[in-house]
């Protein structure tokens, strides 16, 4: 089972450092929705994991 709530230090304001993270090839990543933001996030992507293959433009 995963965590159900944020820790007290991460509640509130969003951290910009999360959005500007740098990854290297071969890193394992997971897709997690930020629940503080209302958006049309596809449920089928929530919790997906994968490996970084390469960087394409401004995205991985």
N, C-alpha and C. Protein backbone atom coordinates (compact mmCIF):
# COMPACT_ATOMS: atom_id res chain seq x y z
N UNK A 1 0.82 -1.18 0.00
CA UNK A 1 0.00 0.00 0.00
C UNK A 1 0.87 1.25 0.00
N UNK A 2 0.42 2.27 -0.69
CA UNK A 2 1.16 3.51 -0.76
C UNK A 2 0.72 4.49 0.32
N UNK A 3 1.38 5.62 0.34
CA UNK A 3 1.00 6.68 1.27
C UNK A 3 -0.34 7.25 0.88
N UNK A 4 -1.14 7.62 1.86
CA UNK A 4 -2.45 8.18 1.57
C UNK A 4 -2.48 9.69 1.67
N UNK A 5 -1.58 10.27 2.41
CA UNK A 5 -1.60 11.72 2.56
C UNK A 5 -0.18 12.26 2.55
N UNK A 6 -0.08 13.56 2.33
CA UNK A 6 1.22 14.20 2.34
C UNK A 6 1.71 14.38 3.77
N UNK A 7 3.01 14.46 3.91
CA UNK A 7 3.56 14.76 5.23
C UNK A 7 3.30 16.24 5.53
N UNK A 8 3.45 16.62 6.78
CA UNK A 8 3.15 17.99 7.19
C UNK A 8 4.03 19.01 6.49
N UNK A 9 5.25 18.64 6.13
CA UNK A 9 6.17 19.57 5.48
C UNK A 9 5.82 19.82 4.01
N UNK A 10 5.11 18.90 3.37
CA UNK A 10 4.82 19.06 1.95
C UNK A 10 3.41 19.57 1.69
N UNK A 11 2.62 19.80 2.73
CA UNK A 11 1.27 20.33 2.53
C UNK A 11 1.34 21.81 2.18
N UNK A 12 0.37 22.29 1.45
CA UNK A 12 0.30 23.71 1.14
C UNK A 12 0.88 24.05 -0.21
N UNK A 13 1.76 25.02 -0.24
CA UNK A 13 2.30 25.56 -1.48
C UNK A 13 3.06 24.50 -2.27
N UNK A 14 2.92 24.53 -3.60
CA UNK A 14 3.62 23.59 -4.46
C UNK A 14 5.09 23.98 -4.57
N UNK A 15 5.95 22.98 -4.67
CA UNK A 15 7.38 23.24 -4.78
C UNK A 15 7.77 23.27 -6.25
N UNK A 16 8.40 24.35 -6.66
CA UNK A 16 8.83 24.47 -8.05
C UNK A 16 9.96 23.51 -8.38
N UNK A 17 10.72 23.11 -7.38
CA UNK A 17 11.84 22.20 -7.64
C UNK A 17 11.34 20.84 -8.15
N UNK A 18 10.11 20.47 -7.81
CA UNK A 18 9.56 19.21 -8.33
C UNK A 18 9.33 19.28 -9.84
N UNK A 19 8.97 20.47 -10.32
CA UNK A 19 8.68 20.63 -11.74
C UNK A 19 9.93 20.78 -12.58
N UNK A 20 11.03 21.18 -11.97
CA UNK A 20 12.27 21.41 -12.71
C UNK A 20 13.33 20.38 -12.36
N UNK A 21 12.91 19.16 -12.03
CA UNK A 21 13.86 18.10 -11.71
C UNK A 21 14.64 17.70 -12.94
N UNK A 22 15.87 17.31 -12.74
CA UNK A 22 16.70 16.78 -13.82
C UNK A 22 16.80 15.27 -13.66
N UNK A 23 16.61 14.56 -14.75
CA UNK A 23 16.73 13.11 -14.75
C UNK A 23 17.85 12.71 -15.70
N UNK A 24 18.44 11.56 -15.45
CA UNK A 24 19.44 11.04 -16.37
C UNK A 24 18.90 9.76 -16.98
N UNK A 25 19.50 9.33 -18.08
CA UNK A 25 19.04 8.13 -18.76
C UNK A 25 19.18 6.93 -17.84
N UNK A 26 18.14 6.10 -17.83
CA UNK A 26 18.15 4.90 -17.00
C UNK A 26 17.49 5.08 -15.65
N UNK A 27 17.13 6.32 -15.28
CA UNK A 27 16.46 6.55 -14.01
C UNK A 27 15.06 5.94 -14.04
N UNK A 28 14.63 5.41 -12.92
CA UNK A 28 13.28 4.87 -12.80
C UNK A 28 12.39 5.97 -12.22
N UNK A 29 11.25 6.22 -12.86
CA UNK A 29 10.34 7.28 -12.44
C UNK A 29 8.92 6.75 -12.35
N UNK A 30 8.08 7.45 -11.57
CA UNK A 30 6.68 7.10 -11.50
C UNK A 30 5.84 8.35 -11.72
N UNK A 31 4.67 8.18 -12.29
CA UNK A 31 3.76 9.29 -12.57
C UNK A 31 2.78 9.38 -11.41
N UNK A 32 2.80 10.51 -10.70
CA UNK A 32 1.92 10.71 -9.55
C UNK A 32 1.22 12.04 -9.72
N UNK A 33 -0.09 12.03 -9.62
CA UNK A 33 -0.88 13.24 -9.77
C UNK A 33 -0.73 14.12 -8.55
N UNK A 34 -0.61 15.42 -8.75
CA UNK A 34 -0.58 16.38 -7.65
C UNK A 34 -2.03 16.74 -7.35
N UNK A 35 -2.55 16.28 -6.24
CA UNK A 35 -3.97 16.43 -5.92
C UNK A 35 -4.36 17.85 -5.55
N UNK A 36 -3.39 18.72 -5.28
CA UNK A 36 -3.70 20.10 -4.93
C UNK A 36 -4.12 20.89 -6.16
N UNK A 37 -3.87 20.36 -7.36
CA UNK A 37 -4.19 21.04 -8.61
C UNK A 37 -5.36 20.33 -9.27
N UNK A 38 -6.39 21.09 -9.65
CA UNK A 38 -7.50 20.50 -10.38
C UNK A 38 -7.14 20.47 -11.86
N UNK A 39 -7.09 19.29 -12.42
CA UNK A 39 -6.78 19.16 -13.84
C UNK A 39 -7.42 17.90 -14.38
N UNK A 40 -7.42 17.77 -15.67
CA UNK A 40 -7.96 16.57 -16.32
C UNK A 40 -6.84 15.55 -16.48
N UNK A 41 -6.39 15.01 -15.37
CA UNK A 41 -5.30 14.03 -15.37
C UNK A 41 -5.89 12.65 -15.64
N UNK A 42 -5.40 11.93 -16.65
CA UNK A 42 -5.96 10.61 -16.95
C UNK A 42 -5.68 9.61 -15.83
N UNK A 43 -6.72 8.95 -15.34
CA UNK A 43 -6.57 7.99 -14.25
C UNK A 43 -5.69 6.81 -14.65
N UNK A 44 -5.66 6.45 -15.92
CA UNK A 44 -4.87 5.29 -16.34
C UNK A 44 -3.37 5.53 -16.21
N UNK A 45 -2.95 6.79 -16.09
CA UNK A 45 -1.53 7.10 -15.93
C UNK A 45 -1.10 7.15 -14.47
N UNK A 46 -2.04 7.28 -13.54
CA UNK A 46 -1.71 7.40 -12.12
C UNK A 46 -0.98 6.15 -11.63
N UNK A 47 0.20 6.34 -11.07
CA UNK A 47 0.96 5.23 -10.50
C UNK A 47 1.82 4.47 -11.49
N UNK A 48 1.79 4.85 -12.76
CA UNK A 48 2.62 4.16 -13.75
C UNK A 48 4.09 4.39 -13.48
N UNK A 49 4.91 3.41 -13.73
CA UNK A 49 6.35 3.55 -13.58
C UNK A 49 7.03 3.24 -14.90
N UNK A 50 8.22 3.77 -15.06
CA UNK A 50 8.98 3.53 -16.28
C UNK A 50 10.41 3.99 -16.12
N UNK A 51 11.18 3.82 -17.18
CA UNK A 51 12.58 4.24 -17.18
C UNK A 51 12.77 5.33 -18.20
N UNK A 52 13.66 6.26 -17.90
CA UNK A 52 13.98 7.35 -18.82
C UNK A 52 14.87 6.80 -19.92
N UNK A 53 14.42 6.94 -21.17
CA UNK A 53 15.22 6.49 -22.30
C UNK A 53 16.09 7.61 -22.85
N UNK A 54 15.48 8.77 -23.06
CA UNK A 54 16.25 9.90 -23.59
C UNK A 54 15.45 11.17 -23.36
N UNK A 55 16.09 12.30 -23.61
CA UNK A 55 15.43 13.59 -23.50
C UNK A 55 15.10 14.07 -24.90
N UNK A 56 13.86 14.50 -25.09
CA UNK A 56 13.42 15.00 -26.40
C UNK A 56 12.93 16.42 -26.21
N UNK A 57 13.70 17.38 -26.67
CA UNK A 57 13.33 18.78 -26.51
C UNK A 57 13.37 19.17 -25.05
N UNK A 58 12.26 19.71 -24.55
CA UNK A 58 12.19 20.12 -23.16
C UNK A 58 11.63 19.05 -22.25
N UNK A 59 11.29 17.88 -22.82
CA UNK A 59 10.68 16.81 -22.04
C UNK A 59 11.54 15.56 -22.07
N UNK A 60 11.19 14.62 -21.21
CA UNK A 60 11.90 13.35 -21.17
C UNK A 60 11.11 12.30 -21.88
